Amino acid sequence: MLKTSKRAKNRAQAEELLKEIVDEDILEHQTTVKASLLLCDLLIEELQLSGEEELIEEIHQLLDKLFVIAEKEENHALRAEVYWLQSRLALLKFDTQEARRKLTQAQLIADGKGLHRLARKISAEYDSLLDQLDKWEKLEQEDIQLTERLQETRINELTDNVLKQREIKLPQSEDEEPVQLLLIAEKSGLSVFSKSFKSLIEVEEQLLGGLLTAMRGFSDEIFSQPLERVKIGEFILILHASSPFLICYVFKGQSYSAMKKVLLFCNQ
């Protein structure tokens, strides 16, 4: 009741009580998890009102603690959801690369533990972020206010959904449209294997130039992450490092089923 009150005095009291629960020794994990999520929600609301950027670090530290609890309890859904929240938090600082990295980690956890519905939701958010990279670059150049960034990330909606365990609407499931599979030598960057799934007469020139640019721009990140997704025009590239090769799958459409196929291909 204190948290939902519109009076600043009551909300401040709620924040103090929640901090006491979060900081004390854990007796009941479920209570600590709920208190952490409530406090996170409260801090986000405070961030919206005050615009004080130091609150972002406070929220980040709170999510780190929540992740540790989730690991100890082997609560894999919560682990993935914390990464998802951290992804949106990264966008508040215009760090789209970190946001993508967190989403990849979240999806791999969810899929690896059989939480396929959650994994599909996270994958859809990654696809959406790829479509919005130019927008986020423009917003950073315009140096928009923190309150506007909060509206763009909708982090408060996600926190509320996690807290209340609401179902997030799944996108319509669609298989991707495969274009090409490439096996590229890590050192030379030359293709040592290629399989085309459709005629590339219309797209080969655009893809080749874009792929080389992506390879130069993402080389360090690619080889430090299990999977990387890059959008070039209407195509999405999934890049998977498996030394001494880089597997590159080119397709159109949603990336969830495409990622599963790449991982299956690598494990065979």
C-alpha atoms as a PDB file:
ATOM      1  CA  MET A   1       0.000   0.000   0.000  1.00  0.00           C
ATOM      2  CA  LEU A   2       2.876   2.391   0.763  1.00  0.00           C
ATOM      3  CA  LYS A   3       4.405   1.710  -2.664  1.00  0.00           C
ATOM      4  CA  THR A   4       1.191   2.490  -4.554  1.00  0.00           C
ATOM      5  CA  SER A   5       0.552   5.667  -2.594  1.00  0.00           C
ATOM      6  CA  LYS A   6       0.923   8.926  -4.496  1.00  0.00           C
ATOM      7  CA  ARG A   7       2.388  10.677  -1.446  1.00  0.00           C
ATOM      8  CA  ALA A   8       6.161  11.058  -1.593  1.00  0.00           C
ATOM      9  CA  LYS A   9       6.479  10.393   2.148  1.00  0.00           C
ATOM     10  CA  ASN A  10       4.763   7.008   1.878  1.00  0.00           C
ATOM     11  CA  ARG A  11       6.731   5.992  -1.205  1.00  0.00           C
ATOM     12  CA  ALA A  12      10.007   6.899   0.522  1.00  0.00           C
ATOM     13  CA  GLN A  13       8.961   4.781   3.496  1.00  0.00           C
ATOM     14  CA  ALA A  14       8.141   1.880   1.160  1.00  0.00           C
ATOM     15  CA  GLU A  15      11.578   2.191  -0.433  1.00  0.00           C
ATOM     16  CA  GLU A  16      13.306   2.018   2.953  1.00  0.00           C
ATOM     17  CA  LEU A  17      11.309  -1.032   4.028  1.00  0.00           C
ATOM     18  CA  LEU A  18      12.054  -2.849   0.752  1.00  0.00           C
ATOM     19  CA  LYS A  19      15.768  -2.015   1.022  1.00  0.00           C
ATOM     20  CA  GLU A  20      15.832  -3.509   4.540  1.00  0.00           C
ATOM     21  CA  ILE A  21      14.343  -6.770   3.226  1.00  0.00           C
ATOM     22  CA  VAL A  22      16.729  -6.903   0.249  1.00  0.00           C
ATOM     23  CA  ASP A  23      19.827  -6.152   2.339  1.00  0.00           C
ATOM     24  CA  GLU A  24      19.137  -8.495   5.258  1.00  0.00           C
ATOM     25  CA  ASP A  25      20.129 -12.161   5.359  1.00  0.00           C
ATOM     26  CA  ILE A  26      17.935 -14.233   3.062  1.00  0.00           C
ATOM     27  CA  LEU A  27      15.503 -16.386   5.022  1.00  0.00           C
ATOM     28  CA  GLU A  28      12.871 -16.866   2.339  1.00  0.00           C
ATOM     29  CA  HIS A  29      14.095 -16.510  -1.248  1.00  0.00           C
ATOM     30  CA  GLN A  30      10.646 -15.841  -2.677  1.00  0.00           C
ATOM     31  CA  THR A  31      10.173 -12.892  -0.308  1.00  0.00           C
ATOM     32  CA  THR A  32      13.571 -11.432  -1.193  1.00  0.00           C
ATOM     33  CA  VAL A  33      12.916 -11.852  -4.924  1.00  0.00           C
ATOM     34  CA  LYS A  34       9.545 -10.122  -4.698  1.00  0.00           C
ATOM     35  CA  ALA A  35      10.975  -7.312  -2.544  1.00  0.00           C
ATOM     36  CA  SER A  36      13.826  -6.844  -5.062  1.00  0.00           C
ATOM     37  CA  LEU A  37      11.415  -6.592  -7.987  1.00  0.00           C
ATOM     38  CA  LEU A  38       9.146  -4.196  -6.082  1.00  0.00           C
ATOM     39  CA  LEU A  39      12.138  -2.039  -5.178  1.00  0.00           C
ATOM     40  CA  CYS A  40      13.340  -2.118  -8.791  1.00  0.00           C
ATOM     41  CA  ASP A  41       9.897  -0.991  -9.945  1.00  0.00           C
ATOM     42  CA  LEU A  42       9.884   1.780  -7.349  1.00  0.00           C
ATOM     43  CA  LEU A  43      13.349   3.002  -8.365  1.00  0.00           C
ATOM     44  CA  ILE A  44      12.303   3.095 -12.024  1.00  0.00           C
ATOM     45  CA  GLU A  45       9.295   5.219 -11.090  1.00  0.00           C
ATOM     46  CA  GLU A  46      11.612   7.499  -9.106  1.00  0.00           C
ATOM     47  CA  LEU A  47      13.902   7.679 -12.133  1.00  0.00           C
ATOM     48  CA  GLN A  48      10.970   8.783 -14.284  1.00  0.00           C
ATOM     49  CA  LEU A  49      10.112  11.548 -11.849  1.00  0.00           C
ATOM     50  CA  SER A  50      13.601  12.793 -10.983  1.00  0.00           C
ATOM     51  CA  GLY A  51      15.666  12.030 -14.084  1.00  0.00           C
ATOM     52  CA  GLU A  52      18.671  11.373 -11.806  1.00  0.00           C
ATOM     53  CA  GLU A  53      20.999   9.095 -13.781  1.00  0.00           C
ATOM     54  CA  GLU A  54      22.771   7.739 -10.683  1.00  0.00           C
ATOM     55  CA  LEU A  55      19.602   5.726 -10.049  1.00  0.00           C
ATOM     56  CA  ILE A  56      20.456   3.626 -13.119  1.00  0.00           C
ATOM     57  CA  GLU A  57      23.523   2.258 -11.323  1.00  0.00           C
ATOM     58  CA  GLU A  58      21.452   1.563  -8.209  1.00  0.00           C
ATOM     59  CA  ILE A  59      18.950  -0.429 -10.307  1.00  0.00           C
ATOM     60  CA  HIS A  60      21.811  -2.251 -12.016  1.00  0.00           C
ATOM     61  CA  GLN A  61      23.302  -3.303  -8.665  1.00  0.00           C
ATOM     62  CA  LEU A  62      19.893  -4.489  -7.502  1.00  0.00           C
ATOM     63  CA  LEU A  63      19.484  -6.622 -10.626  1.00  0.00           C
ATOM     64  CA  ASP A  64      22.971  -8.091 -10.114  1.00  0.00           C
ATOM     65  CA  LYS A  65      21.940  -9.207  -6.604  1.00  0.00           C
ATOM     66  CA  LEU A  66      18.717 -10.640  -7.981  1.00  0.00           C
ATOM     67  CA  PHE A  67      20.666 -12.624 -10.579  1.00  0.00           C
ATOM     68  CA  VAL A  68      22.856 -14.161  -7.859  1.00  0.00           C
ATOM     69  CA  ILE A  69      19.739 -15.259  -5.964  1.00  0.00           C
ATOM     70  CA  ALA A  70      18.267 -16.731  -9.142  1.00  0.00           C
ATOM     71  CA  GLU A  71      21.494 -18.693  -9.758  1.00  0.00           C
ATOM     72  CA  LYS A  72      21.563 -20.099  -6.211  1.00  0.00           C
ATOM     73  CA  GLU A  73      17.924 -21.118  -6.461  1.00  0.00           C
ATOM     74  CA  GLU A  74      18.374 -22.415 -10.019  1.00  0.00           C
ATOM     75  CA  ASN A  75      15.477 -20.189 -11.044  1.00  0.00           C
ATOM     76  CA  HIS A  76      16.337 -20.162 -14.739  1.00  0.00           C
ATOM     77  CA  ALA A  77      13.327 -18.114 -15.830  1.00  0.00           C
ATOM     78  CA  LEU A  78      14.324 -15.354 -13.410  1.00  0.00           C
ATOM     79  CA  ARG A  79      17.956 -15.495 -14.603  1.00  0.00           C
ATOM     80  CA  ALA A  80      16.794 -14.920 -18.186  1.00  0.00           C
ATOM     81  CA  GLU A  81      14.366 -12.185 -17.135  1.00  0.00           C
ATOM     82  CA  VAL A  82      17.073 -10.326 -15.191  1.00  0.00           C
ATOM     83  CA  TYR A  83      19.275 -10.319 -18.296  1.00  0.00           C
ATOM     84  CA  TRP A  84      16.266  -9.052 -20.256  1.00  0.00           C
ATOM     85  CA  LEU A  85      15.761  -6.202 -17.777  1.00  0.00           C
ATOM     86  CA  GLN A  86      19.484  -5.389 -17.909  1.00  0.00           C
ATOM     87  CA  SER A  87      19.223  -5.192 -21.683  1.00  0.00           C
ATOM     88  CA  ARG A  88      16.617  -2.444 -21.448  1.00  0.00           C
ATOM     89  CA  LEU A  89      18.664  -0.753 -18.743  1.00  0.00           C
ATOM     90  CA  ALA A  90      21.634  -0.661 -21.147  1.00  0.00           C
ATOM     91  CA  LEU A  91      19.493   1.182 -23.692  1.00  0.00           C
ATOM     92  CA  LEU A  92      19.027   4.013 -21.187  1.00  0.00           C
ATOM     93  CA  LYS A  93      22.748   4.680 -21.757  1.00  0.00           C
ATOM     94  CA  PHE A  94      22.405   4.117 -25.531  1.00  0.00           C
ATOM     95  CA  ASP A  95      24.562   0.980 -25.220  1.00  0.00           C
ATOM     96  CA  THR A  96      22.873  -1.093 -27.923  1.00  0.00           C
ATOM     97  CA  GLN A  97      25.762  -3.576 -28.091  1.00  0.00           C
ATOM     98  CA  GLU A  98      25.440  -4.403 -24.392  1.00  0.00           C
ATOM     99  CA  ALA A  99      21.672  -4.598 -24.771  1.00  0.00           C
ATOM    100  CA  ARG A 100      22.081  -7.154 -27.563  1.00  0.00           C
ATOM    101  CA  ARG A 101      24.628  -9.138 -25.553  1.00  0.00           C
ATOM    102  CA  LYS A 102      22.255  -9.372 -22.582  1.00  0.00           C
ATOM    103  CA  LEU A 103      19.389 -10.482 -24.811  1.00  0.00           C
ATOM    104  CA  THR A 104      21.549 -13.212 -26.344  1.00  0.00           C
ATOM    105  CA  GLN A 105      22.516 -14.463 -22.884  1.00  0.00           C
ATOM    106  CA  ALA A 106      18.877 -14.385 -21.783  1.00  0.00           C
ATOM    107  CA  GLN A 107      17.732 -16.334 -24.823  1.00  0.00           C
ATOM    108  CA  LEU A 108      20.447 -18.978 -24.493  1.00  0.00           C
ATOM    109  CA  ILE A 109      19.540 -19.551 -20.830  1.00  0.00           C
ATOM    110  CA  ALA A 110      15.816 -19.828 -21.596  1.00  0.00           C
ATOM    111  CA  ASP A 111      16.298 -22.172 -24.545  1.00  0.00           C
ATOM    112  CA  GLY A 112      18.911 -24.248 -22.756  1.00  0.00           C
ATOM    113  CA  LYS A 113      16.532 -24.884 -19.859  1.00  0.00           C
ATOM    114  CA  GLY A 114      13.543 -25.703 -22.038  1.00  0.00           C
ATOM    115  CA  LEU A 115      11.814 -22.344 -21.497  1.00  0.00           C
ATOM    116  CA  HIS A 116      11.068 -22.032 -25.199  1.00  0.00           C
ATOM    117  CA  ARG A 117       8.132 -19.658 -24.877  1.00  0.00           C
ATOM    118  CA  LEU A 118      10.252 -17.206 -22.901  1.00  0.00           C
ATOM    119  CA  ALA A 119      13.138 -17.673 -25.376  1.00  0.00           C
ATOM    120  CA  ARG A 120      10.856 -16.788 -28.283  1.00  0.00           C
ATOM    121  CA  LYS A 121       9.751 -13.577 -26.565  1.00  0.00           C
ATOM    122  CA  ILE A 122      13.349 -12.558 -25.946  1.00  0.00           C
ATOM    123  CA  SER A 123      14.361 -13.424 -29.512  1.00  0.00           C
ATOM    124  CA  ALA A 124      11.507 -11.268 -30.838  1.00  0.00           C
ATOM    125  CA  GLU A 125      12.802  -8.359 -28.746  1.00  0.00           C
ATOM    126  CA  TYR A 126      16.281  -8.857 -30.214  1.00  0.00           C
ATOM    127  CA  ASP A 127      14.828  -8.747 -33.744  1.00  0.00           C
ATOM    128  CA  SER A 128      12.936  -5.575 -32.838  1.00  0.00           C
ATOM    129  CA  LEU A 129      16.109  -3.987 -31.471  1.00  0.00           C
ATOM    130  CA  LEU A 130      17.974  -4.787 -34.701  1.00  0.00           C
ATOM    131  CA  ASP A 131      15.252  -2.886 -36.572  1.00  0.00           C
ATOM    132  CA  GLN A 132      15.650   0.079 -34.192  1.00  0.00           C
ATOM    133  CA  LEU A 133      19.447   0.464 -34.151  1.00  0.00           C
ATOM    134  CA  ASP A 134      19.340   3.492 -36.455  1.00  0.00           C
ATOM    135  CA  LYS A 135      16.650   5.048 -34.272  1.00  0.00           C
ATOM    136  CA  TRP A 136      18.741   4.608 -31.108  1.00  0.00           C
ATOM    137  CA  GLU A 137      21.771   6.102 -32.839  1.00  0.00           C
ATOM    138  CA  LYS A 138      19.672   9.109 -33.820  1.00  0.00           C
ATOM    139  CA  LEU A 139      18.262   9.451 -30.288  1.00  0.00           C
ATOM    140  CA  GLU A 140      21.808   9.441 -28.892  1.00  0.00           C
ATOM    141  CA  GLN A 141      22.849  12.168 -31.331  1.00  0.00           C
ATOM    142  CA  GLU A 142      19.813  14.213 -30.287  1.00  0.00           C
ATOM    143  CA  ASP A 143      20.779  13.602 -26.634  1.00  0.00           C
ATOM    144  CA  ILE A 144      17.168  13.073 -25.590  1.00  0.00           C
ATOM    145  CA  GLN A 145      16.185  13.390 -21.949  1.00  0.00           C
ATOM    146  CA  LEU A 146      16.287  10.375 -19.655  1.00  0.00           C
ATOM    147  CA  THR A 147      12.517  10.486 -19.192  1.00  0.00           C
ATOM    148  CA  GLU A 148      12.091  10.104 -22.967  1.00  0.00           C
ATOM    149  CA  ARG A 149      14.546   7.189 -22.998  1.00  0.00           C
ATOM    150  CA  LEU A 150      12.493   5.472 -20.298  1.00  0.00           C
ATOM    151  CA  GLN A 151       9.414   5.780 -22.486  1.00  0.00           C
ATOM    152  CA  GLU A 152      11.288   4.279 -25.431  1.00  0.00           C
ATOM    153  CA  THR A 153      12.607   1.282 -23.453  1.00  0.00           C
ATOM    154  CA  ARG A 154       9.329   0.552 -21.596  1.00  0.00           C
ATOM    155  CA  ILE A 155      11.449  -1.013 -18.849  1.00  0.00           C
ATOM    156  CA  ASN A 156       8.709  -0.285 -16.293  1.00  0.00           C
ATOM    157  CA  GLU A 157       6.264  -2.464 -18.278  1.00  0.00           C
ATOM    158  CA  LEU A 158       8.710  -5.372 -18.363  1.00  0.00           C
ATOM    159  CA  THR A 159       9.444  -5.059 -14.621  1.00  0.00           C
ATOM    160  CA  ASP A 160       5.726  -5.070 -13.908  1.00  0.00           C
ATOM    161  CA  ASN A 161       5.199  -8.152 -16.092  1.00  0.00           C
ATOM    162  CA  VAL A 162       8.023 -10.042 -14.354  1.00  0.00           C
ATOM    163  CA  LEU A 163       6.741  -8.991 -10.933  1.00  0.00           C
ATOM    164  CA  LYS A 164       3.160 -10.047 -11.610  1.00  0.00           C
ATOM    165  CA  GLN A 165       4.219 -13.018 -13.760  1.00  0.00           C
ATOM    166  CA  ARG A 166       2.082 -11.812 -16.616  1.00  0.00           C
ATOM    167  CA  GLU A 167       2.209 -13.504 -19.971  1.00  0.00           C
ATOM    168  CA  ILE A 168       3.757 -11.324 -22.653  1.00  0.00           C
ATOM    169  CA  LYS A 169       2.054 -11.763 -26.006  1.00  0.00           C
ATOM    170  CA  LEU A 170       4.112 -13.912 -28.334  1.00  0.00           C
ATOM    171  CA  PRO A 171       4.747 -12.736 -31.891  1.00  0.00           C
ATOM    172  CA  GLN A 172       3.180 -14.828 -34.621  1.00  0.00           C
ATOM    173  CA  SER A 173       5.490 -17.784 -35.176  1.00  0.00           C
ATOM    174  CA  GLU A 174       7.124 -17.821 -38.586  1.00  0.00           C
ATOM    175  CA  ASP A 175       9.988 -19.838 -39.998  1.00  0.00           C
ATOM    176  CA  GLU A 176      12.753 -17.770 -41.502  1.00  0.00           C
ATOM    177  CA  GLU A 177      13.399 -17.655 -45.240  1.00  0.00           C
ATOM    178  CA  PRO A 178      16.909 -19.121 -45.712  1.00  0.00           C
ATOM    179  CA  VAL A 179      19.227 -17.398 -48.173  1.00  0.00           C
ATOM    180  CA  GLN A 180      22.765 -18.705 -47.716  1.00  0.00           C
ATOM    181  CA  LEU A 181      25.046 -20.627 -45.353  1.00  0.00           C
ATOM    182  CA  LEU A 182      28.745 -19.737 -45.300  1.00  0.00           C
ATOM    183  CA  LEU A 183      31.736 -21.262 -43.548  1.00  0.00           C
ATOM    184  CA  ILE A 184      34.429 -18.580 -43.317  1.00  0.00           C
ATOM    185  CA  ALA A 185      38.066 -19.059 -42.328  1.00  0.00           C
ATOM    186  CA  GLU A 186      38.702 -17.071 -39.139  1.00  0.00           C
ATOM    187  CA  LYS A 187      42.114 -15.699 -40.127  1.00  0.00           C
ATOM    188  CA  SER A 188      41.732 -15.019 -43.858  1.00  0.00           C
ATOM    189  CA  GLY A 189      38.038 -14.159 -43.933  1.00  0.00           C
ATOM    190  CA  LEU A 190      37.665 -16.303 -47.061  1.00  0.00           C
ATOM    191  CA  SER A 191      34.676 -18.562 -47.610  1.00  0.00           C
ATOM    192  CA  VAL A 192      35.640 -22.241 -47.550  1.00  0.00           C
ATOM    193  CA  PHE A 193      32.085 -23.532 -47.935  1.00  0.00           C
ATOM    194  CA  SER A 194      28.890 -22.012 -49.257  1.00  0.00           C
ATOM    195  CA  LYS A 195      25.356 -23.304 -49.747  1.00  0.00           C
ATOM    196  CA  SER A 196      22.719 -21.168 -51.425  1.00  0.00           C
ATOM    197  CA  PHE A 197      19.049 -21.770 -50.682  1.00  0.00           C
ATOM    198  CA  LYS A 198      17.777 -19.433 -53.390  1.00  0.00           C
ATOM    199  CA  SER A 199      19.057 -17.420 -56.318  1.00  0.00           C
ATOM    200  CA  LEU A 200      21.360 -14.655 -55.110  1.00  0.00           C
ATOM    201  CA  ILE A 201      21.402 -12.715 -58.369  1.00  0.00           C
ATOM    202  CA  GLU A 202      19.459  -9.827 -56.824  1.00  0.00           C
ATOM    203  CA  VAL A 203      21.099  -9.788 -53.406  1.00  0.00           C
ATOM    204  CA  GLU A 204      24.668 -11.040 -53.733  1.00  0.00           C
ATOM    205  CA  GLU A 205      26.323  -7.657 -54.314  1.00  0.00           C
ATOM    206  CA  GLN A 206      24.509  -6.023 -51.390  1.00  0.00           C
ATOM    207  CA  LEU A 207      25.193  -8.961 -49.091  1.00  0.00           C
ATOM    208  CA  LEU A 208      28.866  -9.348 -49.938  1.00  0.00           C
ATOM    209  CA  GLY A 209      29.707  -5.705 -49.281  1.00  0.00           C
ATOM    210  CA  GLY A 210      27.609  -5.623 -46.128  1.00  0.00           C
ATOM    211  CA  LEU A 211      29.066  -8.877 -44.821  1.00  0.00           C
ATOM    212  CA  LEU A 212      32.644  -7.653 -45.134  1.00  0.00           C
ATOM    213  CA  THR A 213      31.708  -4.429 -43.341  1.00  0.00           C
ATOM    214  CA  ALA A 214      29.990  -6.412 -40.574  1.00  0.00           C
ATOM    215  CA  MET A 215      32.991  -8.699 -40.212  1.00  0.00           C
ATOM    216  CA  ARG A 216      35.349  -5.740 -39.761  1.00  0.00           C
ATOM    217  CA  GLY A 217      33.030  -3.945 -37.352  1.00  0.00           C
ATOM    218  CA  PHE A 218      32.061  -6.924 -35.212  1.00  0.00           C
ATOM    219  CA  SER A 219      35.164  -9.147 -35.326  1.00  0.00           C
ATOM    220  CA  ASP A 220      36.129  -8.685 -31.659  1.00  0.00           C
ATOM    221  CA  GLU A 221      32.554  -8.995 -30.431  1.00  0.00           C
ATOM    222  CA  ILE A 222      31.799 -12.048 -32.593  1.00  0.00           C
ATOM    223  CA  PHE A 223      34.612 -14.142 -31.167  1.00  0.00           C
ATOM    224  CA  SER A 224      33.732 -13.227 -27.569  1.00  0.00           C
ATOM    225  CA  GLN A 225      30.043 -14.166 -27.849  1.00  0.00           C
ATOM    226  CA  PRO A 226      28.340 -17.525 -28.516  1.00  0.00           C
ATOM    227  CA  LEU A 227      26.153 -15.998 -31.234  1.00  0.00           C
ATOM    228  CA  GLU A 228      25.869 -12.630 -32.908  1.00  0.00           C
ATOM    229  CA  ARG A 229      23.081 -11.278 -35.068  1.00  0.00           C
ATOM    230  CA  VAL A 230      23.652  -8.513 -37.601  1.00  0.00           C
ATOM    231  CA  LYS A 231      21.072  -6.889 -39.865  1.00  0.00           C
ATOM    232  CA  ILE A 232      22.108  -5.730 -43.331  1.00  0.00           C
ATOM    233  CA  GLY A 233      19.294  -4.268 -45.365  1.00  0.00           C
ATOM    234  CA  GLU A 234      16.482  -6.818 -45.394  1.00  0.00           C
ATOM    235  CA  PHE A 235      18.779  -9.672 -44.395  1.00  0.00           C
ATOM    236  CA  ILE A 236      19.789 -10.952 -40.960  1.00  0.00           C
ATOM    237  CA  LEU A 237      23.124 -12.706 -40.456  1.00  0.00           C
ATOM    238  CA  ILE A 238      23.681 -15.100 -37.567  1.00  0.00           C
ATOM    239  CA  LEU A 239      27.403 -15.381 -36.870  1.00  0.00           C
ATOM    240  CA  HIS A 240      28.738 -18.208 -34.740  1.00  0.00           C
ATOM    241  CA  ALA A 241      32.449 -18.577 -33.976  1.00  0.00           C
ATOM    242  CA  SER A 242      33.716 -22.145 -33.972  1.00  0.00           C
ATOM    243  CA  SER A 243      37.494 -21.776 -34.270  1.00  0.00           C
ATOM    244  CA  PRO A 244      39.091 -21.851 -36.791  1.00  0.00           C
ATOM    245  CA  PHE A 245      35.862 -21.031 -38.654  1.00  0.00           C
ATOM    246  CA  LEU A 246      33.035 -18.530 -38.525  1.00  0.00           C
ATOM    247  CA  ILE A 247      29.629 -19.896 -39.463  1.00  0.00           C
ATOM    248  CA  CYS A 248      27.415 -17.321 -41.151  1.00  0.00           C
ATOM    249  CA  TYR A 249      23.736 -18.051 -41.837  1.00  0.00           C
ATOM    250  CA  VAL A 250      21.930 -15.467 -43.967  1.00  0.00           C
ATOM    251  CA  PHE A 251      18.126 -15.312 -43.945  1.00  0.00           C
ATOM    252  CA  LYS A 252      15.046 -13.120 -43.914  1.00  0.00           C
ATOM    253  CA  GLY A 253      12.407 -13.013 -41.180  1.00  0.00           C
ATOM    254  CA  GLN A 254      12.420 -13.941 -37.500  1.00  0.00           C
ATOM    255  CA  SER A 255      15.634 -15.208 -35.980  1.00  0.00           C
ATOM    256  CA  TYR A 256      14.396 -17.641 -33.313  1.00  0.00           C
ATOM    257  CA  SER A 257      14.148 -20.773 -35.478  1.00  0.00           C
ATOM    258  CA  ALA A 258      17.248 -19.680 -37.410  1.00  0.00           C
ATOM    259  CA  MET A 259      19.355 -19.593 -34.228  1.00  0.00           C
ATOM    260  CA  LYS A 260      18.206 -23.052 -33.234  1.00  0.00           C
ATOM    261  CA  LYS A 261      19.193 -24.385 -36.668  1.00  0.00           C
ATOM    262  CA  VAL A 262      22.659 -22.821 -36.439  1.00  0.00           C
ATOM    263  CA  LEU A 263      23.253 -24.355 -33.004  1.00  0.00           C
ATOM    264  CA  LEU A 264      22.001 -27.727 -34.253  1.00  0.00           C
ATOM    265  CA  PHE A 265      24.315 -27.514 -37.274  1.00  0.00           C
ATOM    266  CA  CYS A 266      27.290 -26.694 -35.026  1.00  0.00           C
ATOM    267  CA  ASN A 267      26.580 -29.608 -32.690  1.00  0.00           C
ATOM    268  CA  GLN A 268      26.382 -32.187 -35.452  1.00  0.00           C
END
